[in-house]
N, C-alpha and C. Protein backbone atom coordinates (compact mmCIF):
# COMPACT_ATOMS: atom_id res chain seq x y z
N UNK A 1 296.39 265.43 -13.02
CA UNK A 1 295.93 264.25 -13.70
C UNK A 1 294.94 263.49 -12.80
N UNK A 2 295.21 263.51 -11.51
CA UNK A 2 294.31 262.81 -10.58
C UNK A 2 292.90 263.40 -10.64
N UNK A 3 292.82 264.73 -10.62
CA UNK A 3 291.50 265.37 -10.66
C UNK A 3 290.78 265.06 -11.98
N UNK A 4 291.50 265.12 -13.07
CA UNK A 4 290.88 264.86 -14.37
C UNK A 4 290.42 263.41 -14.46
N UNK A 5 291.20 262.49 -13.92
CA UNK A 5 290.79 261.08 -13.96
C UNK A 5 289.53 260.86 -13.14
N UNK A 6 289.40 261.58 -12.02
CA UNK A 6 288.18 261.45 -11.21
C UNK A 6 286.98 262.04 -11.93
N UNK A 7 287.18 263.18 -12.58
CA UNK A 7 286.09 263.81 -13.33
C UNK A 7 285.59 262.90 -14.44
N UNK A 8 286.53 262.28 -15.14
CA UNK A 8 286.18 261.41 -16.27
C UNK A 8 285.86 259.98 -15.84
N UNK A 9 286.12 259.67 -14.58
CA UNK A 9 285.90 258.34 -14.03
C UNK A 9 286.72 257.28 -14.78
N UNK A 10 287.97 257.62 -15.03
CA UNK A 10 288.92 256.69 -15.65
C UNK A 10 290.23 256.77 -14.87
N UNK A 11 291.11 255.85 -15.09
CA UNK A 11 292.36 255.83 -14.35
C UNK A 11 293.32 256.91 -14.87
N UNK A 12 294.25 257.37 -14.01
CA UNK A 12 295.24 258.35 -14.46
C UNK A 12 296.06 257.85 -15.65
N UNK A 13 296.37 256.58 -15.66
CA UNK A 13 297.14 256.06 -16.80
C UNK A 13 296.34 256.14 -18.10
N UNK A 14 295.02 255.97 -18.01
CA UNK A 14 294.18 256.09 -19.20
C UNK A 14 294.14 257.54 -19.69
N UNK A 15 294.08 258.49 -18.75
CA UNK A 15 294.14 259.91 -19.12
C UNK A 15 295.43 260.18 -19.87
N UNK A 16 296.53 259.70 -19.34
CA UNK A 16 297.83 259.91 -19.98
C UNK A 16 297.89 259.23 -21.34
N UNK A 17 297.32 258.04 -21.44
CA UNK A 17 297.31 257.31 -22.72
C UNK A 17 296.51 258.09 -23.77
N UNK A 18 295.40 258.66 -23.37
CA UNK A 18 294.57 259.45 -24.30
C UNK A 18 295.35 260.66 -24.81
N UNK A 19 296.00 261.37 -23.90
CA UNK A 19 296.75 262.56 -24.34
C UNK A 19 297.94 262.17 -25.21
N UNK A 20 298.56 261.04 -24.91
CA UNK A 20 299.65 260.57 -25.76
C UNK A 20 299.15 260.20 -27.15
N UNK A 21 297.99 259.57 -27.21
CA UNK A 21 297.44 259.14 -28.49
C UNK A 21 297.00 260.32 -29.35
N UNK A 22 296.29 261.26 -28.76
CA UNK A 22 295.69 262.34 -29.55
C UNK A 22 296.54 263.61 -29.63
N UNK A 23 297.45 263.81 -28.68
CA UNK A 23 298.25 265.03 -28.67
C UNK A 23 299.75 264.77 -28.72
N UNK A 24 300.14 263.51 -28.68
CA UNK A 24 301.56 263.11 -28.72
C UNK A 24 302.37 263.75 -27.61
N UNK A 25 301.76 263.86 -26.43
CA UNK A 25 302.49 264.36 -25.26
C UNK A 25 301.82 263.89 -23.99
N UNK A 26 302.59 263.93 -22.92
CA UNK A 26 302.08 263.55 -21.61
C UNK A 26 301.01 264.55 -21.17
N UNK A 27 300.12 264.12 -20.30
CA UNK A 27 299.03 264.97 -19.81
C UNK A 27 299.57 266.24 -19.17
N UNK A 28 300.58 266.11 -18.32
CA UNK A 28 301.14 267.28 -17.63
C UNK A 28 301.73 268.27 -18.62
N UNK A 29 302.39 267.78 -19.66
CA UNK A 29 302.96 268.66 -20.68
C UNK A 29 301.86 269.38 -21.44
N UNK A 30 300.79 268.68 -21.73
CA UNK A 30 299.67 269.29 -22.43
C UNK A 30 299.06 270.41 -21.57
N UNK A 31 298.89 270.16 -20.30
CA UNK A 31 298.36 271.18 -19.39
C UNK A 31 299.29 272.39 -19.34
N UNK A 32 300.58 272.14 -19.25
CA UNK A 32 301.55 273.23 -19.21
C UNK A 32 301.50 274.06 -20.48
N UNK A 33 301.37 273.40 -21.59
CA UNK A 33 301.30 274.10 -22.88
C UNK A 33 300.11 275.04 -22.90
N UNK A 34 298.95 274.56 -22.50
CA UNK A 34 297.76 275.39 -22.53
C UNK A 34 297.79 276.48 -21.47
N UNK A 35 298.39 276.22 -20.34
CA UNK A 35 298.55 277.28 -19.34
C UNK A 35 299.41 278.41 -19.89
N UNK A 36 300.50 278.04 -20.55
CA UNK A 36 301.37 279.06 -21.11
C UNK A 36 300.65 279.82 -22.22
N UNK A 37 299.93 279.13 -23.08
CA UNK A 37 299.18 279.81 -24.14
C UNK A 37 298.16 280.78 -23.54
N UNK A 38 297.49 280.35 -22.49
CA UNK A 38 296.52 281.23 -21.82
C UNK A 38 297.24 282.44 -21.23
N UNK A 39 298.37 282.21 -20.59
CA UNK A 39 299.15 283.32 -20.04
C UNK A 39 299.48 284.31 -21.15
N UNK A 40 300.00 283.83 -22.26
CA UNK A 40 300.45 284.72 -23.33
C UNK A 40 299.27 285.49 -23.94
N UNK A 41 298.15 284.84 -24.11
CA UNK A 41 296.97 285.52 -24.63
C UNK A 41 296.54 286.66 -23.70
N UNK A 42 296.55 286.39 -22.41
CA UNK A 42 296.17 287.43 -21.44
C UNK A 42 297.24 288.51 -21.31
N UNK A 43 298.49 288.12 -21.36
CA UNK A 43 299.59 289.07 -21.24
C UNK A 43 299.61 290.06 -22.40
N UNK A 44 299.29 289.60 -23.59
CA UNK A 44 299.32 290.46 -24.77
C UNK A 44 297.98 291.16 -25.03
N UNK A 45 296.99 290.91 -24.22
CA UNK A 45 295.70 291.56 -24.36
C UNK A 45 295.81 292.99 -23.81
N UNK A 46 295.54 294.00 -24.63
CA UNK A 46 295.65 295.39 -24.18
C UNK A 46 294.78 295.71 -22.96
N UNK A 47 293.70 295.00 -22.79
CA UNK A 47 292.84 295.23 -21.63
C UNK A 47 293.53 294.91 -20.31
N UNK A 48 294.58 294.08 -20.37
CA UNK A 48 295.29 293.67 -19.16
C UNK A 48 296.60 294.43 -18.95
N UNK A 49 296.81 295.50 -19.71
CA UNK A 49 298.10 296.19 -19.67
C UNK A 49 298.45 296.77 -18.31
N UNK A 50 297.47 297.03 -17.49
CA UNK A 50 297.72 297.61 -16.16
C UNK A 50 297.86 296.54 -15.07
N UNK A 51 297.59 295.30 -15.41
CA UNK A 51 297.66 294.23 -14.41
C UNK A 51 299.10 293.84 -14.12
N UNK A 52 299.42 293.50 -12.89
CA UNK A 52 300.76 292.97 -12.60
C UNK A 52 300.95 291.61 -13.28
N UNK A 53 302.15 291.36 -13.76
CA UNK A 53 302.44 290.10 -14.45
C UNK A 53 302.13 288.92 -13.55
N UNK A 54 302.42 289.05 -12.27
CA UNK A 54 302.17 287.95 -11.33
C UNK A 54 300.68 287.56 -11.31
N UNK A 55 299.80 288.53 -11.40
CA UNK A 55 298.37 288.19 -11.39
C UNK A 55 297.97 287.47 -12.68
N UNK A 56 298.60 287.82 -13.80
CA UNK A 56 298.32 287.13 -15.05
C UNK A 56 298.86 285.71 -14.99
N UNK A 57 300.03 285.55 -14.40
CA UNK A 57 300.61 284.21 -14.23
C UNK A 57 299.66 283.34 -13.41
N UNK A 58 299.17 283.87 -12.31
CA UNK A 58 298.27 283.08 -11.45
C UNK A 58 296.92 282.83 -12.12
N UNK A 59 296.42 283.80 -12.89
CA UNK A 59 295.13 283.60 -13.55
C UNK A 59 295.23 282.54 -14.65
N UNK A 60 296.43 282.31 -15.14
CA UNK A 60 296.64 281.28 -16.17
C UNK A 60 296.74 279.87 -15.56
N UNK A 61 296.73 279.79 -14.25
CA UNK A 61 296.73 278.48 -13.60
C UNK A 61 298.03 278.06 -12.96
N UNK A 62 299.03 278.94 -13.00
CA UNK A 62 300.30 278.61 -12.35
C UNK A 62 300.19 278.93 -10.87
N UNK A 63 300.77 278.08 -10.03
CA UNK A 63 300.70 278.28 -8.59
C UNK A 63 301.60 279.40 -8.09
N UNK A 64 302.69 279.64 -8.83
CA UNK A 64 303.65 280.66 -8.40
C UNK A 64 304.50 281.09 -9.59
N UNK A 65 305.27 282.14 -9.38
CA UNK A 65 306.22 282.57 -10.41
C UNK A 65 307.25 281.48 -10.69
N UNK A 66 307.64 280.76 -9.66
CA UNK A 66 308.62 279.68 -9.83
C UNK A 66 308.06 278.57 -10.72
N UNK A 67 306.79 278.22 -10.53
CA UNK A 67 306.17 277.21 -11.39
C UNK A 67 306.15 277.67 -12.85
N UNK A 68 305.85 278.94 -13.05
CA UNK A 68 305.83 279.52 -14.39
C UNK A 68 307.23 279.45 -15.01
N UNK A 69 308.23 279.85 -14.26
CA UNK A 69 309.61 279.83 -14.74
C UNK A 69 310.05 278.42 -15.07
N UNK A 70 309.68 277.47 -14.23
CA UNK A 70 310.04 276.07 -14.46
C UNK A 70 309.46 275.56 -15.78
N UNK A 71 308.22 275.91 -16.05
CA UNK A 71 307.58 275.49 -17.30
C UNK A 71 308.30 276.09 -18.50
N UNK A 72 308.64 277.36 -18.41
CA UNK A 72 309.36 278.02 -19.50
C UNK A 72 310.69 277.32 -19.76
N UNK A 73 311.42 277.02 -18.71
CA UNK A 73 312.72 276.38 -18.86
C UNK A 73 312.61 274.96 -19.40
N UNK A 74 311.56 274.24 -19.03
CA UNK A 74 311.39 272.87 -19.50
C UNK A 74 310.91 272.80 -20.94
N UNK A 75 310.23 273.84 -21.39
CA UNK A 75 309.60 273.82 -22.71
C UNK A 75 310.01 275.04 -23.53
N UNK A 76 311.29 275.23 -23.66
CA UNK A 76 311.80 276.41 -24.37
C UNK A 76 311.32 276.47 -25.81
N UNK A 77 311.40 275.36 -26.53
CA UNK A 77 311.02 275.36 -27.94
C UNK A 77 309.53 275.65 -28.13
N UNK A 78 308.69 275.02 -27.31
CA UNK A 78 307.25 275.25 -27.43
C UNK A 78 306.92 276.70 -27.11
N UNK A 79 307.55 277.24 -26.07
CA UNK A 79 307.33 278.64 -25.69
C UNK A 79 307.77 279.57 -26.80
N UNK A 80 308.90 279.27 -27.38
CA UNK A 80 309.42 280.09 -28.48
C UNK A 80 308.44 280.09 -29.65
N UNK A 81 307.89 278.93 -29.97
CA UNK A 81 306.93 278.83 -31.07
C UNK A 81 305.69 279.67 -30.79
N UNK A 82 305.17 279.60 -29.58
CA UNK A 82 303.99 280.38 -29.22
C UNK A 82 304.28 281.87 -29.37
N UNK A 83 305.42 282.30 -28.88
CA UNK A 83 305.79 283.71 -28.97
C UNK A 83 305.95 284.15 -30.43
N UNK A 84 306.63 283.35 -31.24
CA UNK A 84 306.82 283.69 -32.64
C UNK A 84 305.51 283.74 -33.40
N UNK A 85 304.64 282.79 -33.13
CA UNK A 85 303.35 282.71 -33.81
C UNK A 85 302.52 283.96 -33.53
N UNK A 86 302.61 284.49 -32.34
CA UNK A 86 301.83 285.66 -31.98
C UNK A 86 302.34 286.92 -32.66
N UNK A 87 303.62 286.94 -33.00
CA UNK A 87 304.20 288.14 -33.60
C UNK A 87 304.32 288.08 -35.11
N UNK A 88 304.05 286.95 -35.70
CA UNK A 88 304.17 286.81 -37.16
C UNK A 88 302.87 287.21 -37.82
């Protein structure tokens, strides 16, 4: 959030207020959601079938496997929706 606020030249609280207003979630949650969506898109892409999962996790913006796991555990319902949507 700090980096985004500097890029936009607004305060971190304003960044969070914008995401709450337009996305009904905190900035960090929004970032986590899109990181997971990016991970899943890359993971299910046949072109990446030979890549190690860890490299896909890192390319999606997660710092480590633990960060990825933490996001999954915190956002089980959102993750489930993304997975179901891809298979329906």
